[in-house]
Amino acid sequence: MQSIIRWLSIGKNILKMIVLLGMIAEQMINTGIKQEFIL
């Protein structure tokens, strides 16, 4: 049981990281597109 709980918490942290990276990437892409339109 302990190992299952540990793996679940690790999985949650990994998911949080992926979501954060996705949000950052989305913002970077959006700003990049805006910069291209401005140029």
C-alpha atoms as a PDB file:
ATOM      1  CA  MET A   1       0.000   0.000   0.000  1.00  0.00           C
ATOM      2  CA  GLN A   2       2.764   2.446   0.919  1.00  0.00           C
ATOM      3  CA  SER A   3       4.440   2.078  -2.487  1.00  0.00           C
ATOM      4  CA  ILE A   4       1.122   2.626  -4.307  1.00  0.00           C
ATOM      5  CA  ILE A   5       0.524   5.864  -2.384  1.00  0.00           C
ATOM      6  CA  ARG A   6       4.100   6.972  -3.113  1.00  0.00           C
ATOM      7  CA  TRP A   7       3.680   6.278  -6.843  1.00  0.00           C
ATOM      8  CA  LEU A   8       0.365   8.182  -6.870  1.00  0.00           C
ATOM      9  CA  SER A   9       1.980  11.241  -5.280  1.00  0.00           C
ATOM     10  CA  ILE A  10       4.886  11.048  -7.745  1.00  0.00           C
ATOM     11  CA  GLY A  11       2.393  10.779 -10.626  1.00  0.00           C
ATOM     12  CA  LYS A  12       0.510  13.839  -9.329  1.00  0.00           C
ATOM     13  CA  ASN A  13       3.752  15.842  -9.199  1.00  0.00           C
ATOM     14  CA  ILE A  14       4.669  14.740 -12.744  1.00  0.00           C
ATOM     15  CA  LEU A  15       1.206  15.749 -13.993  1.00  0.00           C
ATOM     16  CA  LYS A  16       1.562  19.160 -12.324  1.00  0.00           C
ATOM     17  CA  MET A  17       4.948  19.628 -14.014  1.00  0.00           C
ATOM     18  CA  ILE A  18       3.510  18.644 -17.427  1.00  0.00           C
ATOM     19  CA  VAL A  19       0.572  21.050 -16.980  1.00  0.00           C
ATOM     20  CA  LEU A  20       2.905  23.880 -15.942  1.00  0.00           C
ATOM     21  CA  LEU A  21       5.220  23.215 -18.888  1.00  0.00           C
ATOM     22  CA  GLY A  22       2.233  23.093 -21.240  1.00  0.00           C
ATOM     23  CA  MET A  23       0.947  26.444 -19.960  1.00  0.00           C
ATOM     24  CA  ILE A  24       4.411  28.022 -20.311  1.00  0.00           C
ATOM     25  CA  ALA A  25       4.814  26.596 -23.822  1.00  0.00           C
ATOM     26  CA  GLU A  26       1.351  27.884 -24.782  1.00  0.00           C
ATOM     27  CA  GLN A  27       2.214  31.384 -23.539  1.00  0.00           C
ATOM     28  CA  MET A  28       5.530  31.325 -25.408  1.00  0.00           C
ATOM     29  CA  ILE A  29       3.782  30.220 -28.623  1.00  0.00           C
ATOM     30  CA  ASN A  30       1.094  32.914 -28.191  1.00  0.00           C
ATOM     31  CA  THR A  31       3.672  35.670 -27.622  1.00  0.00           C
ATOM     32  CA  GLY A  32       5.726  34.372 -30.564  1.00  0.00           C
ATOM     33  CA  ILE A  33       2.706  34.530 -32.866  1.00  0.00           C
ATOM     34  CA  LYS A  34       1.882  38.049 -31.649  1.00  0.00           C
ATOM     35  CA  GLN A  35       5.466  39.181 -32.255  1.00  0.00           C
ATOM     36  CA  GLU A  36       5.345  37.753 -35.779  1.00  0.00           C
ATOM     37  CA  PHE A  37       2.118  39.652 -36.495  1.00  0.00           C
ATOM     38  CA  ILE A  38       3.616  42.871 -35.135  1.00  0.00           C
ATOM     39  CA  LEU A  39       6.670  42.440 -37.382  1.00  0.00           C
END
